[in-house]
Amino acid sequence: MAEWLYEEGIGENRAALVDDNRILIAEIELPSGSPRVGAVVRARLVDARAGALLLDGGEEAALAKPVAGLSQGAALMVEIVREAMPERGRVKPAKAVVTDADPRAGPDLLARIEASGSPVRRLHAHEPDLLEAAGWSELLEEARTGDIVFPDGMLRLSVTPAMTLFDIDGDPPLGSLAVAAARAVAQAIVRHGIGGSTGIDFPTLASRVERQAVAAALDAALPQPFERTAVNGFGFLQIVRPRLRPSLPELLLADRAGAEARAALRAAERLSPPGPHHHILSGRAHRWLAARPELTDALARRSGQRHEFAPAQD
């Protein structure tokens, strides 16, 4: 039976839905003052034409759909329907809709997985590393590099501002390769929490029957809700899914230094005393961590020893 593994880490919280020692869904939650999906907050309309909002906490947001009769400067209550999206070099503001509901916080990661209906097991650093045993490091490597191996070939995942793209590499016969790739893409979309627009570049298939078989395999493997196009003559298919928060690849690629540093903190916390307490990071990860001494202080409290982090020598 599938169960959620939840870990309250240093600098991030982690969760994975695991079945038969395999990760089906993974999420990372970073500390943030920005409101989560489901939060109801006070806001002021700062640009009626663009639907730009200023939330009570000082964050910017945008109306997901225009509302007639609102004038610039109007005070209103809004519900967050998509969280702020980190991108390289900028943050895309959250989206919101007008509501009459009372103010409330949106559910955090633990609350969401507890409401999923699957059992939740909370993990601790002194216990066996069940996340790692299920393939946590390999999952992060998939998200970071975009290289995803499946039995008949490889997917190459790319994150762009417009959409997430999958390219497929593998050997003929192309019809069976494309069907296997469709299943692998669906699993990767779910595993990495990919929403919004996704484009898949399948091998070019001359047969309409083969293209329909690819679409049917995708439909069977990808849970609703989503919309898609047919596979066109060039092998391209587009999917649109709800996008509530950043996918795992978006989260890691938007802050590579932070992702590396947090992974190093996780590994250090799990070292058995008197394990090594000197660690080497890339220069960018070391600078990121040095600017956040509260994280190494937390590591010292939780592990019982002070850890030293140094930058790699060029």
Protein backbone atom coordinates (compact mmCIF):
# COMPACT_ATOMS: atom_id res chain seq x y z
CA MET A 1 0.00 0.00 0.00
CA ALA A 2 1.32 3.43 -0.90
CA GLU A 3 2.29 5.71 1.99
CA TRP A 4 3.66 9.22 2.31
CA LEU A 5 7.13 9.62 3.79
CA TYR A 6 7.46 13.08 5.34
CA GLU A 7 10.63 14.70 6.59
CA GLU A 8 10.97 18.06 8.32
CA GLY A 9 14.41 18.98 7.09
CA ILE A 10 16.79 21.86 7.62
CA GLY A 11 15.80 24.61 5.20
CA GLU A 12 13.13 22.50 3.50
CA ASN A 13 10.44 19.93 4.15
CA ARG A 14 10.19 16.85 1.94
CA ALA A 15 7.50 14.34 1.12
CA ALA A 16 7.29 11.35 -1.19
CA LEU A 17 4.43 8.99 -1.92
CA VAL A 18 6.13 5.60 -2.00
CA ASP A 19 4.75 2.26 -3.15
CA ASP A 20 6.84 -0.92 -3.30
CA ASN A 21 9.95 1.14 -2.48
CA ARG A 22 9.37 3.38 -5.51
CA ILE A 23 8.62 7.10 -5.44
CA LEU A 24 5.36 7.93 -7.20
CA ILE A 25 5.11 11.61 -6.21
CA ALA A 26 7.70 13.89 -4.61
CA GLU A 27 7.43 17.39 -3.20
CA ILE A 28 9.77 19.87 -1.53
CA GLU A 29 8.43 22.77 0.53
CA LEU A 30 10.67 25.77 1.14
CA PRO A 31 10.10 28.27 3.95
CA SER A 32 8.37 31.29 2.52
CA GLY A 33 6.27 34.18 3.68
CA SER A 34 4.26 33.98 0.47
CA PRO A 35 0.71 32.64 0.79
CA ARG A 36 0.00 29.07 -0.26
CA VAL A 37 -2.79 27.80 -2.50
CA GLY A 38 -6.07 28.04 -0.61
CA ALA A 39 -5.04 31.03 1.50
CA VAL A 40 -7.49 33.92 1.72
CA VAL A 41 -5.80 37.29 2.20
CA ARG A 42 -6.56 40.97 2.02
CA ALA A 43 -5.34 42.77 -1.08
CA ARG A 44 -5.44 46.09 -2.87
CA LEU A 45 -5.92 46.47 -6.61
CA VAL A 46 -2.97 48.52 -7.84
CA ASP A 47 -3.61 48.22 -11.59
CA ALA A 48 -7.22 47.60 -12.63
CA ARG A 49 -6.39 47.00 -16.30
CA ALA A 50 -3.65 44.43 -15.62
CA GLY A 51 -5.36 42.94 -12.57
CA ALA A 52 -2.25 43.57 -10.47
CA LEU A 53 -2.66 43.17 -6.71
CA LEU A 54 -0.64 44.04 -3.64
CA LEU A 55 -1.27 41.54 -0.86
CA ASP A 56 -1.36 42.43 2.82
CA GLY A 57 2.04 40.83 3.38
CA GLY A 58 3.63 43.02 0.69
CA GLU A 59 3.78 40.37 -2.05
CA GLU A 60 2.54 41.04 -5.55
CA ALA A 61 -0.16 38.92 -7.13
CA ALA A 62 -2.42 38.99 -10.18
CA LEU A 63 -6.10 38.29 -10.69
CA ALA A 64 -6.53 34.98 -12.50
CA LYS A 65 -9.52 36.40 -14.37
CA PRO A 66 -10.84 39.96 -14.79
CA VAL A 67 -13.60 41.19 -12.48
CA ALA A 68 -15.97 43.88 -13.71
CA GLY A 69 -16.64 46.93 -11.57
CA LEU A 70 -13.38 47.02 -9.63
CA SER A 71 -11.59 50.35 -9.55
CA GLN A 72 -7.93 50.99 -8.98
CA GLY A 73 -7.08 51.14 -5.29
CA ALA A 74 -10.04 48.97 -4.26
CA ALA A 75 -9.60 46.80 -1.16
CA LEU A 76 -10.76 43.21 -1.57
CA MET A 77 -10.38 39.67 -0.29
CA VAL A 78 -8.72 37.17 -2.60
CA GLU A 79 -8.02 33.45 -2.56
CA ILE A 80 -4.67 32.20 -3.87
CA VAL A 81 -5.20 29.71 -6.70
CA ARG A 82 -1.58 29.48 -7.88
CA GLU A 83 1.47 30.14 -5.77
CA ALA A 84 4.34 32.41 -6.77
CA MET A 85 6.57 30.65 -9.29
CA PRO A 86 10.37 30.94 -8.99
CA GLU A 87 12.10 31.33 -12.32
CA ARG A 88 15.71 31.98 -13.15
CA GLY A 89 16.31 35.63 -12.33
CA ARG A 90 12.76 36.47 -11.25
CA VAL A 91 9.63 35.35 -9.43
CA LYS A 92 6.32 35.10 -11.27
CA PRO A 93 3.60 36.52 -8.97
CA ALA A 94 0.89 34.36 -7.47
CA LYS A 95 -2.57 34.25 -9.03
CA ALA A 96 -5.75 34.92 -7.07
CA VAL A 97 -9.52 35.17 -7.41
CA VAL A 98 -11.89 37.49 -5.57
CA THR A 99 -13.77 35.85 -2.70
CA ASP A 100 -16.12 36.63 0.20
CA ALA A 101 -14.43 34.11 2.50
CA ASP A 102 -12.76 35.04 5.78
CA PRO A 103 -8.96 35.26 5.96
CA ARG A 104 -7.18 31.94 6.39
CA ALA A 105 -3.82 30.32 5.75
CA GLY A 106 -3.40 27.83 2.94
CA PRO A 107 -2.54 24.24 3.94
CA ASP A 108 1.15 23.41 4.17
CA LEU A 109 2.77 20.28 2.73
CA LEU A 110 2.10 18.12 5.80
CA ALA A 111 -1.56 19.16 5.93
CA ARG A 112 -2.01 18.40 2.22
CA ILE A 113 -0.55 14.91 2.36
CA GLU A 114 -2.47 14.13 5.56
CA ALA A 115 -5.67 15.06 3.71
CA SER A 116 -4.78 12.83 0.73
CA GLY A 117 -6.22 9.65 2.23
CA SER A 118 -2.89 7.76 2.19
CA PRO A 119 -1.07 7.03 5.46
CA VAL A 120 1.75 9.39 6.46
CA ARG A 121 4.98 8.28 8.12
CA ARG A 122 7.13 11.01 9.66
CA LEU A 123 10.85 10.37 9.30
CA HIS A 124 13.73 11.32 11.61
CA ALA A 125 17.45 11.59 10.95
CA HIS A 126 18.42 8.88 13.47
CA GLU A 127 16.21 6.32 11.71
CA PRO A 128 16.94 4.33 8.52
CA ASP A 129 16.78 6.64 5.51
CA LEU A 130 13.62 5.39 3.83
CA LEU A 131 13.54 8.30 1.39
CA GLU A 132 17.00 7.48 0.12
CA ALA A 133 16.15 3.78 -0.05
CA ALA A 134 13.23 4.67 -2.35
CA GLY A 135 15.50 6.68 -4.66
CA TRP A 136 15.41 10.26 -3.33
CA SER A 137 18.87 11.23 -4.61
CA GLU A 138 18.14 9.72 -8.02
CA LEU A 139 14.88 11.66 -8.14
CA LEU A 140 16.68 14.95 -7.42
CA GLU A 141 19.22 14.10 -10.11
CA GLU A 142 16.38 13.56 -12.60
CA ALA A 143 14.94 16.96 -11.71
CA ARG A 144 18.32 18.68 -11.86
CA THR A 145 19.66 17.16 -15.10
CA GLY A 146 16.40 16.38 -16.90
CA ASP A 147 17.69 12.91 -17.83
CA ILE A 148 15.07 10.25 -17.08
CA VAL A 149 15.79 6.64 -18.01
CA PHE A 150 12.95 4.23 -18.81
CA PRO A 151 13.25 0.59 -19.95
CA ASP A 152 13.14 1.34 -23.69
CA GLY A 153 15.04 4.62 -23.84
CA MET A 154 15.54 8.00 -22.22
CA LEU A 155 13.47 11.12 -21.67
CA ARG A 156 15.12 14.52 -21.72
CA LEU A 157 13.18 17.04 -19.68
CA SER A 158 13.67 20.78 -20.24
CA VAL A 159 12.06 23.62 -18.29
CA THR A 160 11.27 26.80 -20.21
CA PRO A 161 9.28 29.89 -19.18
CA ALA A 162 6.50 28.85 -21.56
CA MET A 163 6.25 25.11 -20.92
CA THR A 164 8.00 21.95 -19.81
CA LEU A 165 9.32 19.89 -22.72
CA PHE A 166 10.07 16.18 -23.07
CA ASP A 167 12.22 14.77 -25.86
CA ILE A 168 12.52 11.02 -26.41
CA ASP A 169 15.61 9.03 -27.31
CA GLY A 170 15.59 5.30 -28.07
CA ASP A 171 15.92 2.61 -30.67
CA PRO A 172 13.34 1.35 -33.21
CA PRO A 173 10.71 0.11 -33.59
CA LEU A 174 9.47 3.66 -33.10
CA GLY A 175 5.84 2.73 -32.49
CA SER A 176 6.56 0.65 -29.38
CA LEU A 177 9.20 3.18 -28.25
CA ALA A 178 6.65 6.01 -28.40
CA VAL A 179 4.04 4.01 -26.44
CA ALA A 180 6.57 3.16 -23.73
CA ALA A 181 7.71 6.80 -23.68
CA ALA A 182 4.12 8.01 -23.25
CA ARG A 183 3.80 5.92 -20.09
CA ALA A 184 7.19 7.13 -18.83
CA VAL A 185 6.30 10.78 -19.47
CA ALA A 186 3.00 10.41 -17.61
CA GLN A 187 4.81 8.90 -14.62
CA ALA A 188 7.44 11.66 -14.69
CA ILE A 189 4.78 14.38 -14.83
CA VAL A 190 3.11 12.97 -11.72
CA ARG A 191 6.38 12.20 -9.93
CA HIS A 192 7.76 15.70 -10.37
CA GLY A 193 4.48 17.59 -9.94
CA ILE A 194 4.56 19.14 -13.40
CA GLY A 195 1.58 21.33 -14.25
CA GLY A 196 0.71 23.96 -16.81
CA SER A 197 1.69 23.36 -20.43
CA THR A 198 3.84 20.36 -21.30
CA GLY A 199 5.07 19.52 -24.78
CA ILE A 200 6.17 16.01 -25.78
CA ASP A 201 8.25 15.42 -28.91
CA PHE A 202 7.61 11.78 -29.80
CA PRO A 203 9.37 10.02 -32.69
CA THR A 204 7.67 10.81 -35.99
CA LEU A 205 5.10 8.12 -36.68
CA ALA A 206 3.65 7.78 -40.16
CA SER A 207 0.74 5.60 -39.08
CA ARG A 208 -2.36 7.27 -37.65
CA VAL A 209 -3.08 4.05 -35.75
CA GLU A 210 0.34 4.25 -34.05
CA ARG A 211 -0.22 7.91 -33.11
CA GLN A 212 -3.59 7.03 -31.59
CA ALA A 213 -1.98 4.20 -29.61
CA VAL A 214 0.52 6.69 -28.15
CA ALA A 215 -2.27 9.07 -27.11
CA ALA A 216 -4.25 6.19 -25.59
CA ALA A 217 -1.22 5.06 -23.56
CA LEU A 218 -0.80 8.58 -22.21
CA ASP A 219 -4.50 8.82 -21.34
CA ALA A 220 -4.34 5.54 -19.43
CA ALA A 221 -1.23 6.49 -17.44
CA LEU A 222 -1.86 10.17 -16.61
CA PRO A 223 -4.52 10.93 -13.96
CA GLN A 224 -7.17 13.51 -14.71
CA PRO A 225 -7.66 16.43 -14.84
CA PHE A 226 -5.77 17.37 -18.01
CA GLU A 227 -6.40 18.33 -21.61
CA ARG A 228 -4.27 17.35 -24.57
CA THR A 229 -3.95 17.63 -28.29
CA ALA A 230 -3.64 14.67 -30.65
CA VAL A 231 -0.17 13.53 -31.71
CA ASN A 232 0.43 15.50 -34.88
CA GLY A 233 2.26 14.30 -37.98
CA PHE A 234 5.57 15.50 -36.58
CA GLY A 235 5.11 13.54 -33.35
CA PHE A 236 4.30 16.51 -31.10
CA LEU A 237 1.61 16.42 -28.41
CA GLN A 238 0.75 19.11 -25.87
CA ILE A 239 -0.79 18.61 -22.44
CA VAL A 240 -2.30 21.24 -20.13
CA ARG A 241 -2.72 20.38 -16.43
CA PRO A 242 -3.66 22.54 -13.44
CA ARG A 243 -0.62 24.40 -12.14
CA LEU A 244 -0.87 25.19 -8.45
CA ARG A 245 2.77 25.44 -7.37
CA PRO A 246 6.27 24.97 -8.85
CA SER A 247 7.27 21.55 -10.11
CA LEU A 248 10.31 19.90 -8.58
CA PRO A 249 12.53 20.71 -11.60
CA GLU A 250 11.39 24.36 -11.53
CA LEU A 251 12.14 24.59 -7.81
CA LEU A 252 15.62 23.08 -8.06
CA LEU A 253 16.69 24.85 -11.24
CA ALA A 254 15.58 28.26 -9.96
CA ASP A 255 18.03 27.96 -7.04
CA ARG A 256 20.78 25.47 -7.83
CA ALA A 257 23.03 26.73 -5.04
CA GLY A 258 20.31 26.43 -2.42
CA ALA A 259 19.31 22.96 -3.62
CA GLU A 260 22.92 21.73 -3.37
CA ALA A 261 23.40 23.26 0.08
CA ARG A 262 20.16 21.81 1.46
CA ALA A 263 21.05 18.36 0.13
CA ALA A 264 24.44 18.64 1.89
CA LEU A 265 22.72 19.61 5.14
CA ARG A 266 20.47 16.56 4.85
CA ALA A 267 23.44 14.25 4.28
CA ALA A 268 25.41 15.78 7.16
CA GLU A 269 22.51 15.40 9.58
CA ARG A 270 22.40 11.67 8.87
CA LEU A 271 26.06 10.95 9.59
CA SER A 272 26.47 8.72 12.64
CA PRO A 273 28.62 10.29 15.38
CA PRO A 274 31.49 10.83 15.37
CA GLY A 275 31.18 10.99 11.60
CA PRO A 276 33.12 13.51 9.51
CA HIS A 277 32.13 17.09 10.18
CA HIS A 278 34.12 18.81 7.44
CA HIS A 279 32.25 19.07 4.13
CA ILE A 280 33.10 20.49 0.70
CA LEU A 281 30.56 22.43 -1.36
CA SER A 282 30.75 24.19 -4.69
CA GLY A 283 31.61 27.88 -4.40
CA ARG A 284 28.05 28.98 -5.13
CA ALA A 285 26.51 26.58 -2.60
CA HIS A 286 29.06 27.61 0.04
CA ARG A 287 28.23 31.29 -0.47
CA TRP A 288 24.51 30.50 -0.24
CA LEU A 289 24.95 28.60 3.01
CA ALA A 290 27.37 31.13 4.53
CA ALA A 291 24.67 33.79 4.12
CA ARG A 292 22.28 31.65 6.21
CA PRO A 293 24.11 30.75 9.44
CA GLU A 294 20.83 29.78 11.08
CA LEU A 295 20.87 26.62 8.94
CA THR A 296 24.27 25.42 10.14
CA ASP A 297 23.21 26.33 13.69
CA ALA A 298 20.15 24.11 13.24
CA LEU A 299 22.39 21.31 11.95
CA ALA A 300 24.59 21.60 15.05
CA ARG A 301 21.58 21.40 17.37
CA ARG A 302 20.03 18.44 15.57
CA SER A 303 23.22 16.42 15.00
CA GLY A 304 24.96 17.24 18.29
CA GLN A 305 28.15 18.52 16.65
CA ARG A 306 29.35 21.56 14.77
CA HIS A 307 29.86 21.00 11.05
CA GLU A 308 32.25 23.00 8.91
CA PHE A 309 31.56 23.68 5.22
CA ALA A 310 34.29 24.83 2.86
CA PRO A 311 34.27 25.79 -0.84
CA ALA A 312 35.85 23.47 -3.38
CA GLN A 313 39.25 24.60 -4.64
CA ASP A 314 39.44 25.41 -8.36
